[in-house]
Amino acid sequence: MNFNSINNTIENRVESLSHIVFEPTLTIFDNVIVVNYKKVGTRFFQTLADLPSSSNNIFNNSKQIDIKFVKIDGIVPSDKYNQIFKTKLTNYLIEFDFEHHDGEWKDADSFLKYNNVENITDFFKKNKKPFIFVVRNPVERFFSGATQILTSYCTETLTDKDEQNEIKKIFDITDYDLQKVMERSNEFFEDSFNQRLDWGHTTTDGVESFAKILLYVLEYKWDLIMQDIHTETYLDNIKSLLIEIDDKKNKIIDLNQCNTKNAFEFFDTFTNDFIYSTDYNKIIKSKQSNLHIYDFLVKMHDNDVHTMEAIPHLLKKEYSYYKELINSSYFYNI
């Protein structure tokens, strides 16, 4: 793909998206607070945080919550004053999603009380616990996020006849092929697909057409791919938040280093109730992943024919932030 074929509005959107939307996830442990973003280990750290409770058959006790930074433009209702995050440059209203993880916090007051602070500014700037910021190689994160976008595309967008006609203009694909992809896409996305194929429990019928659909989305649907929360840029906000908090006890870790026994020994310091390193093998095996689809996308990216060179091009600024963060004094090599 030629860079010139990319719509400039999309490139500008990628550059500015993180200034418009910043919706990190917080995971509250006994001794630390983990900050990460979609496709940067949110489910992994939720698994760790839930383990002491889930192992004792206690449910709806999630210690994870999604928040949203909203620039304040106008008057904030008095009952939300404690949700104002005051920074050097601007103030934000922090919105909470209390329903997503169905945890014990039902409003901002209960969340702040649990964390022993009176307002969200103190939560970030005067917290006794260190913040652990999780980052990930932007290109790897892109492919991981793309798998999630592709899942909904195959089951929802692809049902539109106009969309099907656009695909048929580019690829040699029939109505039967498209129908087969829609029928079997969920099966193709399952982690067990390759294993079931090896055991003779399923077939490859529709796989070739499925691959064409994935390639179509990655090469022609940039408006869809690059404006989704699972692929949007975020690292400049992580950098800004680190600088704003300005606390030497905070750390940055790389998600790529979180699957080792050494990492789990580091995670043992997160909580007083559970020793993660003793259950390392069990936890790693229980991880949910679309690894086989991820690997397939990476192979397409590295292929001589379809290099999809626009991906690293659009993420070049995000990658520069990534390198800056992992080379900073905050980075903790686990």
C-alpha atoms as a PDB file:
ATOM      1  CA  MET A   1       0.000   0.000   0.000  1.00  0.00           C
ATOM      2  CA  ASN A   2       1.331   3.428  -0.933  1.00  0.00           C
ATOM      3  CA  PHE A   3       1.373   5.989   1.875  1.00  0.00           C
ATOM      4  CA  ASN A   4      -0.217   8.506  -0.482  1.00  0.00           C
ATOM      5  CA  SER A   5      -3.304   6.331  -0.715  1.00  0.00           C
ATOM      6  CA  ILE A   6      -4.052   6.825   2.953  1.00  0.00           C
ATOM      7  CA  ASN A   7      -6.662   9.461   3.555  1.00  0.00           C
ATOM      8  CA  ASN A   8      -4.980  12.422   5.242  1.00  0.00           C
ATOM      9  CA  THR A   9      -7.905  12.852   7.597  1.00  0.00           C
ATOM     10  CA  ILE A  10      -7.249   9.370   8.982  1.00  0.00           C
ATOM     11  CA  GLU A  11      -3.564  10.126   9.528  1.00  0.00           C
ATOM     12  CA  ASN A  12      -4.462  13.368  11.294  1.00  0.00           C
ATOM     13  CA  ARG A  13      -7.040  11.497  13.342  1.00  0.00           C
ATOM     14  CA  VAL A  14      -4.443   8.984  14.512  1.00  0.00           C
ATOM     15  CA  GLU A  15      -2.112  11.825  15.500  1.00  0.00           C
ATOM     16  CA  SER A  16      -4.775  13.611  17.546  1.00  0.00           C
ATOM     17  CA  LEU A  17      -7.013  10.812  18.804  1.00  0.00           C
ATOM     18  CA  SER A  18      -5.339  10.406  22.190  1.00  0.00           C
ATOM     19  CA  HIS A  19      -5.954  14.111  22.852  1.00  0.00           C
ATOM     20  CA  ILE A  20      -9.674  13.506  22.367  1.00  0.00           C
ATOM     21  CA  VAL A  21     -10.146  10.191  24.156  1.00  0.00           C
ATOM     22  CA  PHE A  22      -8.270   8.722  27.118  1.00  0.00           C
ATOM     23  CA  GLU A  23     -10.019   5.815  28.835  1.00  0.00           C
ATOM     24  CA  PRO A  24      -7.529   3.803  30.904  1.00  0.00           C
ATOM     25  CA  THR A  25      -8.307   0.878  33.181  1.00  0.00           C
ATOM     26  CA  LEU A  26      -7.305   0.840  36.849  1.00  0.00           C
ATOM     27  CA  THR A  27      -6.709  -2.395  38.737  1.00  0.00           C
ATOM     28  CA  ILE A  28      -6.561  -1.829  42.483  1.00  0.00           C
ATOM     29  CA  PHE A  29      -4.328  -4.261  44.388  1.00  0.00           C
ATOM     30  CA  ASP A  30      -3.497  -4.174  48.107  1.00  0.00           C
ATOM     31  CA  ASN A  31      -0.136  -2.517  47.564  1.00  0.00           C
ATOM     32  CA  VAL A  32      -0.141  -1.058  44.026  1.00  0.00           C
ATOM     33  CA  ILE A  33      -2.471   0.419  41.404  1.00  0.00           C
ATOM     34  CA  VAL A  34      -1.985  -0.872  37.865  1.00  0.00           C
ATOM     35  CA  VAL A  35      -2.806   1.505  34.995  1.00  0.00           C
ATOM     36  CA  ASN A  36      -3.217   0.052  31.530  1.00  0.00           C
ATOM     37  CA  TYR A  37      -5.198   0.435  28.330  1.00  0.00           C
ATOM     38  CA  LYS A  38      -7.289  -1.749  26.070  1.00  0.00           C
ATOM     39  CA  LYS A  39      -5.158  -4.590  24.617  1.00  0.00           C
ATOM     40  CA  VAL A  40      -2.377  -3.833  27.082  1.00  0.00           C
ATOM     41  CA  GLY A  41      -3.114  -6.521  29.658  1.00  0.00           C
ATOM     42  CA  THR A  42      -6.446  -5.427  31.152  1.00  0.00           C
ATOM     43  CA  ARG A  43      -7.853  -8.973  31.285  1.00  0.00           C
ATOM     44  CA  PHE A  44      -4.525 -10.358  32.470  1.00  0.00           C
ATOM     45  CA  PHE A  45      -4.383  -8.044  35.483  1.00  0.00           C
ATOM     46  CA  GLN A  46      -8.069  -8.531  36.184  1.00  0.00           C
ATOM     47  CA  THR A  47      -7.333 -12.254  36.449  1.00  0.00           C
ATOM     48  CA  LEU A  48      -4.563 -11.550  38.962  1.00  0.00           C
ATOM     49  CA  ALA A  49      -6.673  -9.134  41.015  1.00  0.00           C
ATOM     50  CA  ASP A  50      -9.659 -11.494  41.139  1.00  0.00           C
ATOM     51  CA  LEU A  51      -7.700 -14.607  42.098  1.00  0.00           C
ATOM     52  CA  PRO A  52      -7.830 -14.374  45.900  1.00  0.00           C
ATOM     53  CA  SER A  53     -11.613 -13.945  45.741  1.00  0.00           C
ATOM     54  CA  SER A  54     -12.387 -16.322  42.888  1.00  0.00           C
ATOM     55  CA  SER A  55     -10.331 -19.060  44.535  1.00  0.00           C
ATOM     56  CA  ASN A  56     -12.682 -18.790  47.524  1.00  0.00           C
ATOM     57  CA  ASN A  57     -15.827 -18.747  45.374  1.00  0.00           C
ATOM     58  CA  ILE A  58     -16.526 -15.053  46.070  1.00  0.00           C
ATOM     59  CA  PHE A  59     -18.057 -13.323  43.070  1.00  0.00           C
ATOM     60  CA  ASN A  60     -18.789  -9.713  42.016  1.00  0.00           C
ATOM     61  CA  ASN A  61     -15.708  -8.553  43.877  1.00  0.00           C
ATOM     62  CA  SER A  62     -13.808  -7.050  40.958  1.00  0.00           C
ATOM     63  CA  LYS A  63     -11.024  -4.629  41.811  1.00  0.00           C
ATOM     64  CA  GLN A  64     -10.866  -3.248  38.279  1.00  0.00           C
ATOM     65  CA  ILE A  65     -12.581  -0.161  36.887  1.00  0.00           C
ATOM     66  CA  ASP A  66     -12.578   1.782  33.618  1.00  0.00           C
ATOM     67  CA  ILE A  67     -12.278   5.560  33.829  1.00  0.00           C
ATOM     68  CA  LYS A  68     -12.486   8.366  31.285  1.00  0.00           C
ATOM     69  CA  PHE A  69     -10.668  11.704  31.238  1.00  0.00           C
ATOM     70  CA  VAL A  70     -13.021  14.463  30.037  1.00  0.00           C
ATOM     71  CA  LYS A  71     -11.677  17.993  29.595  1.00  0.00           C
ATOM     72  CA  ILE A  72     -13.820  20.384  31.593  1.00  0.00           C
ATOM     73  CA  ASP A  73     -15.601  22.907  29.412  1.00  0.00           C
ATOM     74  CA  GLY A  74     -18.212  24.688  31.490  1.00  0.00           C
ATOM     75  CA  ILE A  75     -19.620  24.270  34.966  1.00  0.00           C
ATOM     76  CA  VAL A  76     -19.170  21.012  36.889  1.00  0.00           C
ATOM     77  CA  PRO A  77     -22.115  20.003  39.112  1.00  0.00           C
ATOM     78  CA  SER A  78     -21.265  20.411  42.805  1.00  0.00           C
ATOM     79  CA  ASP A  79     -21.846  16.712  43.476  1.00  0.00           C
ATOM     80  CA  LYS A  80     -18.966  15.917  41.093  1.00  0.00           C
ATOM     81  CA  TYR A  81     -16.345  18.276  42.515  1.00  0.00           C
ATOM     82  CA  ASN A  82     -14.463  15.326  44.014  1.00  0.00           C
ATOM     83  CA  GLN A  83     -14.118  13.873  40.484  1.00  0.00           C
ATOM     84  CA  ILE A  84     -12.105  16.849  39.179  1.00  0.00           C
ATOM     85  CA  PHE A  85      -8.486  16.010  38.391  1.00  0.00           C
ATOM     86  CA  LYS A  86      -6.492  19.238  38.576  1.00  0.00           C
ATOM     87  CA  THR A  87      -3.355  19.373  36.428  1.00  0.00           C
ATOM     88  CA  LYS A  88      -0.880  22.108  35.545  1.00  0.00           C
ATOM     89  CA  LEU A  89      -2.361  22.696  32.086  1.00  0.00           C
ATOM     90  CA  THR A  90      -6.047  21.860  32.357  1.00  0.00           C
ATOM     91  CA  ASN A  91      -8.637  20.177  34.566  1.00  0.00           C
ATOM     92  CA  TYR A  92     -10.443  16.940  33.815  1.00  0.00           C
ATOM     93  CA  LEU A  93     -13.647  15.403  35.035  1.00  0.00           C
ATOM     94  CA  ILE A  94     -12.972  11.725  35.712  1.00  0.00           C
ATOM     95  CA  GLU A  95     -15.946   9.575  34.771  1.00  0.00           C
ATOM     96  CA  PHE A  96     -16.283   6.025  36.125  1.00  0.00           C
ATOM     97  CA  ASP A  97     -17.817   2.963  34.489  1.00  0.00           C
ATOM     98  CA  PHE A  98     -19.182   1.130  37.512  1.00  0.00           C
ATOM     99  CA  GLU A  99     -21.203  -1.425  35.541  1.00  0.00           C
ATOM    100  CA  HIS A 100     -18.564  -2.970  33.271  1.00  0.00           C
ATOM    101  CA  HIS A 101     -16.733  -5.020  35.901  1.00  0.00           C
ATOM    102  CA  ASP A 102     -19.637  -5.284  38.385  1.00  0.00           C
ATOM    103  CA  GLY A 103     -17.413  -4.608  41.394  1.00  0.00           C
ATOM    104  CA  GLU A 104     -18.120  -3.371  44.896  1.00  0.00           C
ATOM    105  CA  TRP A 105     -17.863   0.338  43.972  1.00  0.00           C
ATOM    106  CA  LYS A 106     -21.188   1.825  42.928  1.00  0.00           C
ATOM    107  CA  ASP A 107     -20.316   5.528  42.831  1.00  0.00           C
ATOM    108  CA  ALA A 108     -17.341   7.908  42.981  1.00  0.00           C
ATOM    109  CA  ASP A 109     -17.650   8.341  46.749  1.00  0.00           C
ATOM    110  CA  SER A 110     -17.337   4.613  47.443  1.00  0.00           C
ATOM    111  CA  PHE A 111     -14.348   4.353  45.099  1.00  0.00           C
ATOM    112  CA  LEU A 112     -12.537   7.292  46.736  1.00  0.00           C
ATOM    113  CA  LYS A 113     -13.344   6.033  50.240  1.00  0.00           C
ATOM    114  CA  TYR A 114     -11.978   2.588  49.382  1.00  0.00           C
ATOM    115  CA  ASN A 115      -8.747   4.234  48.275  1.00  0.00           C
ATOM    116  CA  ASN A 116      -8.528   6.447  51.391  1.00  0.00           C
ATOM    117  CA  VAL A 117      -8.666   9.774  49.539  1.00  0.00           C
ATOM    118  CA  GLU A 118     -11.182  12.622  49.418  1.00  0.00           C
ATOM    119  CA  ASN A 119     -10.950  13.456  45.716  1.00  0.00           C
ATOM    120  CA  ILE A 120      -9.535  12.157  42.449  1.00  0.00           C
ATOM    121  CA  THR A 121      -6.657  14.674  42.404  1.00  0.00           C
ATOM    122  CA  ASP A 122      -5.418  13.235  45.699  1.00  0.00           C
ATOM    123  CA  PHE A 123      -5.959   9.733  44.307  1.00  0.00           C
ATOM    124  CA  PHE A 124      -3.409  10.398  41.585  1.00  0.00           C
ATOM    125  CA  LYS A 125      -1.070  12.824  43.355  1.00  0.00           C
ATOM    126  CA  LYS A 126      -1.100  11.790  47.015  1.00  0.00           C
ATOM    127  CA  ASN A 127      -1.690   8.069  46.812  1.00  0.00           C
ATOM    128  CA  LYS A 128       0.405   5.983  49.194  1.00  0.00           C
ATOM    129  CA  LYS A 129       0.425   3.147  46.684  1.00  0.00           C
ATOM    130  CA  PRO A 130       2.719   3.290  43.638  1.00  0.00           C
ATOM    131  CA  PHE A 131       1.169   3.335  40.196  1.00  0.00           C
ATOM    132  CA  ILE A 132       2.371   0.627  37.809  1.00  0.00           C
ATOM    133  CA  PHE A 133       1.921   1.815  34.215  1.00  0.00           C
ATOM    134  CA  VAL A 134       1.787  -1.013  31.673  1.00  0.00           C
ATOM    135  CA  VAL A 135       2.936  -0.318  28.108  1.00  0.00           C
ATOM    136  CA  ARG A 136       3.189  -2.461  25.000  1.00  0.00           C
ATOM    137  CA  ASN A 137       4.949  -2.298  21.641  1.00  0.00           C
ATOM    138  CA  PRO A 138       2.447  -0.263  19.554  1.00  0.00           C
ATOM    139  CA  VAL A 139       2.626  -2.447  16.434  1.00  0.00           C
ATOM    140  CA  GLU A 140       2.033  -5.620  18.486  1.00  0.00           C
ATOM    141  CA  ARG A 141      -0.845  -3.922  20.281  1.00  0.00           C
ATOM    142  CA  PHE A 142      -2.312  -2.879  16.940  1.00  0.00           C
ATOM    143  CA  PHE A 143      -2.520  -6.474  15.710  1.00  0.00           C
ATOM    144  CA  SER A 144      -3.990  -7.626  19.008  1.00  0.00           C
ATOM    145  CA  GLY A 145      -6.620  -4.884  18.862  1.00  0.00           C
ATOM    146  CA  ALA A 146      -7.330  -5.603  15.222  1.00  0.00           C
ATOM    147  CA  THR A 147      -8.427  -9.150  16.076  1.00  0.00           C
ATOM    148  CA  GLN A 148     -11.182  -7.734  18.286  1.00  0.00           C
ATOM    149  CA  ILE A 149     -12.314  -5.296  15.584  1.00  0.00           C
ATOM    150  CA  LEU A 150     -12.294  -8.049  12.974  1.00  0.00           C
ATOM    151  CA  THR A 151     -14.514 -10.234  15.147  1.00  0.00           C
ATOM    152  CA  SER A 152     -17.335  -7.686  15.171  1.00  0.00           C
ATOM    153  CA  TYR A 153     -16.750  -6.840  11.515  1.00  0.00           C
ATOM    154  CA  CYS A 154     -17.294 -10.451  10.403  1.00  0.00           C
ATOM    155  CA  THR A 155     -20.467 -10.886  12.458  1.00  0.00           C
ATOM    156  CA  GLU A 156     -22.043  -7.426  12.045  1.00  0.00           C
ATOM    157  CA  THR A 157     -20.676  -5.131   9.303  1.00  0.00           C
ATOM    158  CA  LEU A 158     -20.208  -7.947   6.809  1.00  0.00           C
ATOM    159  CA  THR A 159     -23.960  -8.622   6.761  1.00  0.00           C
ATOM    160  CA  ASP A 160     -24.464  -5.354   4.864  1.00  0.00           C
ATOM    161  CA  LYS A 161     -24.954  -5.984   1.127  1.00  0.00           C
ATOM    162  CA  ASP A 162     -23.195  -2.773   0.092  1.00  0.00           C
ATOM    163  CA  GLU A 163     -20.162  -3.816   2.135  1.00  0.00           C
ATOM    164  CA  GLN A 164     -20.169  -7.234   0.479  1.00  0.00           C
ATOM    165  CA  ASN A 165     -20.256  -5.614  -2.966  1.00  0.00           C
ATOM    166  CA  GLU A 166     -17.224  -3.460  -2.103  1.00  0.00           C
ATOM    167  CA  ILE A 167     -15.284  -6.579  -1.143  1.00  0.00           C
ATOM    168  CA  LYS A 168     -16.263  -8.370  -4.359  1.00  0.00           C
ATOM    169  CA  LYS A 169     -14.850  -5.460  -6.384  1.00  0.00           C
ATOM    170  CA  ILE A 170     -11.406  -6.205  -4.941  1.00  0.00           C
ATOM    171  CA  PHE A 171     -11.337  -9.947  -4.306  1.00  0.00           C
ATOM    172  CA  ASP A 172     -12.539 -12.973  -6.229  1.00  0.00           C
ATOM    173  CA  ILE A 173     -15.137 -13.981  -3.680  1.00  0.00           C
ATOM    174  CA  THR A 174     -18.710 -15.243  -4.048  1.00  0.00           C
ATOM    175  CA  ASP A 175     -21.901 -14.771  -2.041  1.00  0.00           C
ATOM    176  CA  TYR A 176     -21.476 -18.358  -0.850  1.00  0.00           C
ATOM    177  CA  ASP A 177     -17.952 -17.561   0.358  1.00  0.00           C
ATOM    178  CA  LEU A 178     -19.165 -14.492   2.288  1.00  0.00           C
ATOM    179  CA  GLN A 179     -22.005 -16.438   3.862  1.00  0.00           C
ATOM    180  CA  LYS A 180     -19.585 -19.149   4.948  1.00  0.00           C
ATOM    181  CA  VAL A 181     -17.324 -16.541   6.601  1.00  0.00           C
ATOM    182  CA  MET A 182     -20.272 -15.063   8.517  1.00  0.00           C
ATOM    183  CA  GLU A 183     -21.384 -18.515   9.622  1.00  0.00           C
ATOM    184  CA  ARG A 184     -17.954 -19.720  10.727  1.00  0.00           C
ATOM    185  CA  SER A 185     -16.045 -16.563  11.766  1.00  0.00           C
ATOM    186  CA  ASN A 186     -16.670 -17.117  15.489  1.00  0.00           C
ATOM    187  CA  GLU A 187     -15.255 -20.633  15.118  1.00  0.00           C
ATOM    188  CA  PHE A 188     -12.211 -19.330  13.240  1.00  0.00           C
ATOM    189  CA  PHE A 189     -11.529 -16.811  16.027  1.00  0.00           C
ATOM    190  CA  GLU A 190     -11.649 -19.448  18.776  1.00  0.00           C
ATOM    191  CA  ASP A 191      -8.295 -20.295  20.368  1.00  0.00           C
ATOM    192  CA  SER A 192      -9.016 -24.007  19.957  1.00  0.00           C
ATOM    193  CA  PHE A 193      -9.576 -23.851  16.183  1.00  0.00           C
ATOM    194  CA  ASN A 194      -6.110 -25.108  15.158  1.00  0.00           C
ATOM    195  CA  GLN A 195      -6.210 -27.869  17.745  1.00  0.00           C
ATOM    196  CA  ARG A 196      -9.671 -28.995  16.653  1.00  0.00           C
ATOM    197  CA  LEU A 197      -8.431 -28.956  13.058  1.00  0.00           C
ATOM    198  CA  ASP A 198      -5.494 -31.186  13.976  1.00  0.00           C
ATOM    199  CA  TRP A 199      -7.853 -33.617  15.703  1.00  0.00           C
ATOM    200  CA  GLY A 200     -10.145 -33.792  12.665  1.00  0.00           C
ATOM    201  CA  HIS A 201     -13.054 -32.187  14.558  1.00  0.00           C
ATOM    202  CA  THR A 202     -13.537 -29.360  12.054  1.00  0.00           C
ATOM    203  CA  THR A 203     -12.669 -28.378   8.468  1.00  0.00           C
ATOM    204  CA  THR A 204     -10.959 -25.513   6.648  1.00  0.00           C
ATOM    205  CA  ASP A 205     -14.065 -24.734   4.610  1.00  0.00           C
ATOM    206  CA  GLY A 206     -14.232 -20.940   4.368  1.00  0.00           C
ATOM    207  CA  VAL A 207     -10.764 -20.251   5.799  1.00  0.00           C
ATOM    208  CA  GLU A 208      -9.352 -18.890   2.534  1.00  0.00           C
ATOM    209  CA  SER A 209     -12.266 -16.466   2.172  1.00  0.00           C
ATOM    210  CA  PHE A 210     -11.905 -15.546   5.843  1.00  0.00           C
ATOM    211  CA  ALA A 211      -8.274 -14.587   5.191  1.00  0.00           C
ATOM    212  CA  LYS A 212      -9.374 -12.358   2.303  1.00  0.00           C
ATOM    213  CA  ILE A 213     -11.838 -10.550   4.592  1.00  0.00           C
ATOM    214  CA  LEU A 214      -9.154  -9.920   7.209  1.00  0.00           C
ATOM    215  CA  LEU A 215      -6.827  -8.556   4.550  1.00  0.00           C
ATOM    216  CA  TYR A 216      -9.589  -6.341   3.142  1.00  0.00           C
ATOM    217  CA  VAL A 217     -10.303  -4.747   6.519  1.00  0.00           C
ATOM    218  CA  LEU A 218      -6.624  -4.172   7.304  1.00  0.00           C
ATOM    219  CA  GLU A 219      -5.865  -2.600   3.931  1.00  0.00           C
ATOM    220  CA  TYR A 220      -9.045  -0.690   3.098  1.00  0.00           C
ATOM    221  CA  LYS A 221     -10.977   0.073   6.301  1.00  0.00           C
ATOM    222  CA  TRP A 222      -8.635   2.508   8.044  1.00  0.00           C
ATOM    223  CA  ASP A 223     -11.534   4.618   9.269  1.00  0.00           C
ATOM    224  CA  LEU A 224     -12.715   1.553  11.190  1.00  0.00           C
ATOM    225  CA  ILE A 225      -9.350   0.199  12.334  1.00  0.00           C
ATOM    226  CA  MET A 226      -7.591   3.330  13.543  1.00  0.00           C
ATOM    227  CA  GLN A 227     -10.506   4.936  15.407  1.00  0.00           C
ATOM    228  CA  ASP A 228     -11.339   2.078  17.738  1.00  0.00           C
ATOM    229  CA  ILE A 229     -10.455   2.091  21.437  1.00  0.00           C
ATOM    230  CA  HIS A 230      -8.576  -1.190  20.976  1.00  0.00           C
ATOM    231  CA  THR A 231      -6.129   0.383  18.505  1.00  0.00           C
ATOM    232  CA  GLU A 232      -6.184   4.113  19.261  1.00  0.00           C
ATOM    233  CA  THR A 233      -3.013   5.790  20.532  1.00  0.00           C
ATOM    234  CA  TYR A 234      -2.588   6.427  24.258  1.00  0.00           C
ATOM    235  CA  LEU A 235       1.102   6.558  25.236  1.00  0.00           C
ATOM    236  CA  ASP A 236       1.429  10.349  25.130  1.00  0.00           C
ATOM    237  CA  ASN A 237      -1.245  10.458  27.833  1.00  0.00           C
ATOM    238  CA  ILE A 238       0.636   7.882  29.907  1.00  0.00           C
ATOM    239  CA  LYS A 239       3.743  10.065  29.632  1.00  0.00           C
ATOM    240  CA  SER A 240       1.787  13.199  30.614  1.00  0.00           C
ATOM    241  CA  LEU A 241       0.191  11.436  33.582  1.00  0.00           C
ATOM    242  CA  LEU A 242       3.573  10.225  34.833  1.00  0.00           C
ATOM    243  CA  ILE A 243       4.976  13.734  34.616  1.00  0.00           C
ATOM    244  CA  GLU A 244       1.917  15.237  36.305  1.00  0.00           C
ATOM    245  CA  ILE A 245       2.002  12.806  39.238  1.00  0.00           C
ATOM    246  CA  ASP A 246       5.785  13.200  39.495  1.00  0.00           C
ATOM    247  CA  ASP A 247       6.406  10.446  42.031  1.00  0.00           C
ATOM    248  CA  LYS A 248       9.596   8.379  41.945  1.00  0.00           C
ATOM    249  CA  LYS A 249       7.902   5.324  43.455  1.00  0.00           C
ATOM    250  CA  ASN A 250       5.819   4.839  40.300  1.00  0.00           C
ATOM    251  CA  LYS A 251       6.976   2.346  37.675  1.00  0.00           C
ATOM    252  CA  ILE A 252       6.545   1.444  34.009  1.00  0.00           C
ATOM    253  CA  ILE A 253       6.527  -2.204  32.975  1.00  0.00           C
ATOM    254  CA  ASP A 254       6.325  -3.780  29.517  1.00  0.00           C
ATOM    255  CA  LEU A 255       3.512  -6.263  28.883  1.00  0.00           C
ATOM    256  CA  ASN A 256       5.946  -8.376  26.839  1.00  0.00           C
ATOM    257  CA  GLN A 257       7.813  -9.178  30.068  1.00  0.00           C
ATOM    258  CA  CYS A 258       4.749 -10.161  32.103  1.00  0.00           C
ATOM    259  CA  ASN A 259       4.603 -13.868  31.175  1.00  0.00           C
ATOM    260  CA  THR A 260       7.736 -14.999  33.025  1.00  0.00           C
ATOM    261  CA  LYS A 261       8.204 -16.566  36.444  1.00  0.00           C
ATOM    262  CA  ASN A 262      10.311 -13.539  37.440  1.00  0.00           C
ATOM    263  CA  ALA A 263       7.404 -11.263  36.574  1.00  0.00           C
ATOM    264  CA  PHE A 264       5.044 -13.302  38.761  1.00  0.00           C
ATOM    265  CA  GLU A 265       7.480 -13.013  41.650  1.00  0.00           C
ATOM    266  CA  PHE A 266       7.253  -9.246  41.153  1.00  0.00           C
ATOM    267  CA  PHE A 267       3.449  -9.511  41.114  1.00  0.00           C
ATOM    268  CA  ASP A 268       3.649 -11.290  44.494  1.00  0.00           C
ATOM    269  CA  THR A 269       4.384  -7.859  45.993  1.00  0.00           C
ATOM    270  CA  PHE A 270       1.057  -6.518  44.676  1.00  0.00           C
ATOM    271  CA  THR A 271      -1.199  -8.256  47.183  1.00  0.00           C
ATOM    272  CA  ASN A 272      -1.210  -9.587  50.735  1.00  0.00           C
ATOM    273  CA  ASP A 273      -3.648 -12.428  50.031  1.00  0.00           C
ATOM    274  CA  PHE A 274      -2.165 -14.480  47.236  1.00  0.00           C
ATOM    275  CA  ILE A 275       1.213 -15.710  45.976  1.00  0.00           C
ATOM    276  CA  TYR A 276       0.940 -15.625  42.202  1.00  0.00           C
ATOM    277  CA  SER A 277       4.293 -17.261  41.482  1.00  0.00           C
ATOM    278  CA  THR A 278       3.188 -20.537  43.076  1.00  0.00           C
ATOM    279  CA  ASP A 279       0.349 -20.801  40.524  1.00  0.00           C
ATOM    280  CA  TYR A 280       2.377 -19.451  37.588  1.00  0.00           C
ATOM    281  CA  ASN A 281       1.763 -22.391  35.220  1.00  0.00           C
ATOM    282  CA  LYS A 282      -1.964 -22.555  35.985  1.00  0.00           C
ATOM    283  CA  ILE A 283      -2.523 -18.803  35.475  1.00  0.00           C
ATOM    284  CA  ILE A 284      -0.552 -18.661  32.228  1.00  0.00           C
ATOM    285  CA  LYS A 285      -2.529 -21.595  30.799  1.00  0.00           C
ATOM    286  CA  SER A 286      -5.836 -19.906  31.702  1.00  0.00           C
ATOM    287  CA  LYS A 287      -5.071 -16.723  29.749  1.00  0.00           C
ATOM    288  CA  GLN A 288      -7.630 -15.875  27.070  1.00  0.00           C
ATOM    289  CA  SER A 289      -6.153 -14.941  23.726  1.00  0.00           C
ATOM    290  CA  ASN A 290      -6.670 -14.795  19.975  1.00  0.00           C
ATOM    291  CA  LEU A 291      -3.031 -15.741  19.494  1.00  0.00           C
ATOM    292  CA  HIS A 292      -3.562 -17.808  16.340  1.00  0.00           C
ATOM    293  CA  ILE A 293      -5.328 -14.882  14.615  1.00  0.00           C
ATOM    294  CA  TYR A 294      -2.687 -12.484  15.903  1.00  0.00           C
ATOM    295  CA  ASP A 295       0.062 -14.694  14.462  1.00  0.00           C
ATOM    296  CA  PHE A 296      -1.787 -14.887  11.165  1.00  0.00           C
ATOM    297  CA  LEU A 297      -2.044 -11.069  10.934  1.00  0.00           C
ATOM    298  CA  VAL A 298       1.639 -10.675  11.761  1.00  0.00           C
ATOM    299  CA  LYS A 299       2.545 -13.155   9.003  1.00  0.00           C
ATOM    300  CA  MET A 300       0.409 -11.176   6.544  1.00  0.00           C
ATOM    301  CA  HIS A 301       2.162  -7.994   7.651  1.00  0.00           C
ATOM    302  CA  ASP A 302       5.597  -9.560   7.115  1.00  0.00           C
ATOM    303  CA  ASN A 303       4.653 -11.151   3.796  1.00  0.00           C
ATOM    304  CA  ASP A 304       6.484  -9.870   0.707  1.00  0.00           C
ATOM    305  CA  VAL A 305       3.234  -9.244  -1.138  1.00  0.00           C
ATOM    306  CA  HIS A 306       1.098  -7.561   1.519  1.00  0.00           C
ATOM    307  CA  THR A 307       3.481  -5.619   3.755  1.00  0.00           C
ATOM    308  CA  MET A 308       0.758  -3.286   5.095  1.00  0.00           C
ATOM    309  CA  GLU A 309       3.498  -0.712   5.494  1.00  0.00           C
ATOM    310  CA  ALA A 310       0.988   1.931   6.564  1.00  0.00           C
ATOM    311  CA  ILE A 311       0.708   0.374  10.033  1.00  0.00           C
ATOM    312  CA  PRO A 312       4.182   1.264  11.359  1.00  0.00           C
ATOM    313  CA  HIS A 313       3.953   4.543   9.429  1.00  0.00           C
ATOM    314  CA  LEU A 314       0.775   5.617  11.213  1.00  0.00           C
ATOM    315  CA  LEU A 315       2.162   4.458  14.552  1.00  0.00           C
ATOM    316  CA  LYS A 316       5.600   6.062  14.260  1.00  0.00           C
ATOM    317  CA  LYS A 317       4.859   8.790  16.832  1.00  0.00           C
ATOM    318  CA  GLU A 318       3.289   6.255  19.196  1.00  0.00           C
ATOM    319  CA  TYR A 319       6.376   4.069  18.833  1.00  0.00           C
ATOM    320  CA  SER A 320       8.619   7.022  19.703  1.00  0.00           C
ATOM    321  CA  TYR A 321       6.662   7.491  22.949  1.00  0.00           C
ATOM    322  CA  TYR A 322       6.999   3.782  23.663  1.00  0.00           C
ATOM    323  CA  LYS A 323      10.793   3.906  23.254  1.00  0.00           C
ATOM    324  CA  GLU A 324      10.985   7.025  25.400  1.00  0.00           C
ATOM    325  CA  LEU A 325       8.985   5.416  28.214  1.00  0.00           C
ATOM    326  CA  ILE A 326      10.863   2.114  28.331  1.00  0.00           C
ATOM    327  CA  ASN A 327      14.157   4.007  28.344  1.00  0.00           C
ATOM    328  CA  SER A 328      13.092   6.354  31.130  1.00  0.00           C
ATOM    329  CA  SER A 329      14.087   6.170  34.807  1.00  0.00           C
ATOM    330  CA  TYR A 330      10.563   4.922  35.602  1.00  0.00           C
ATOM    331  CA  PHE A 331      11.014   1.703  33.641  1.00  0.00           C
ATOM    332  CA  TYR A 332      11.287  -1.446  35.746  1.00  0.00           C
ATOM    333  CA  ASN A 333      12.876  -4.370  33.929  1.00  0.00           C
ATOM    334  CA  ILE A 334      11.208  -7.557  35.133  1.00  0.00           C
END
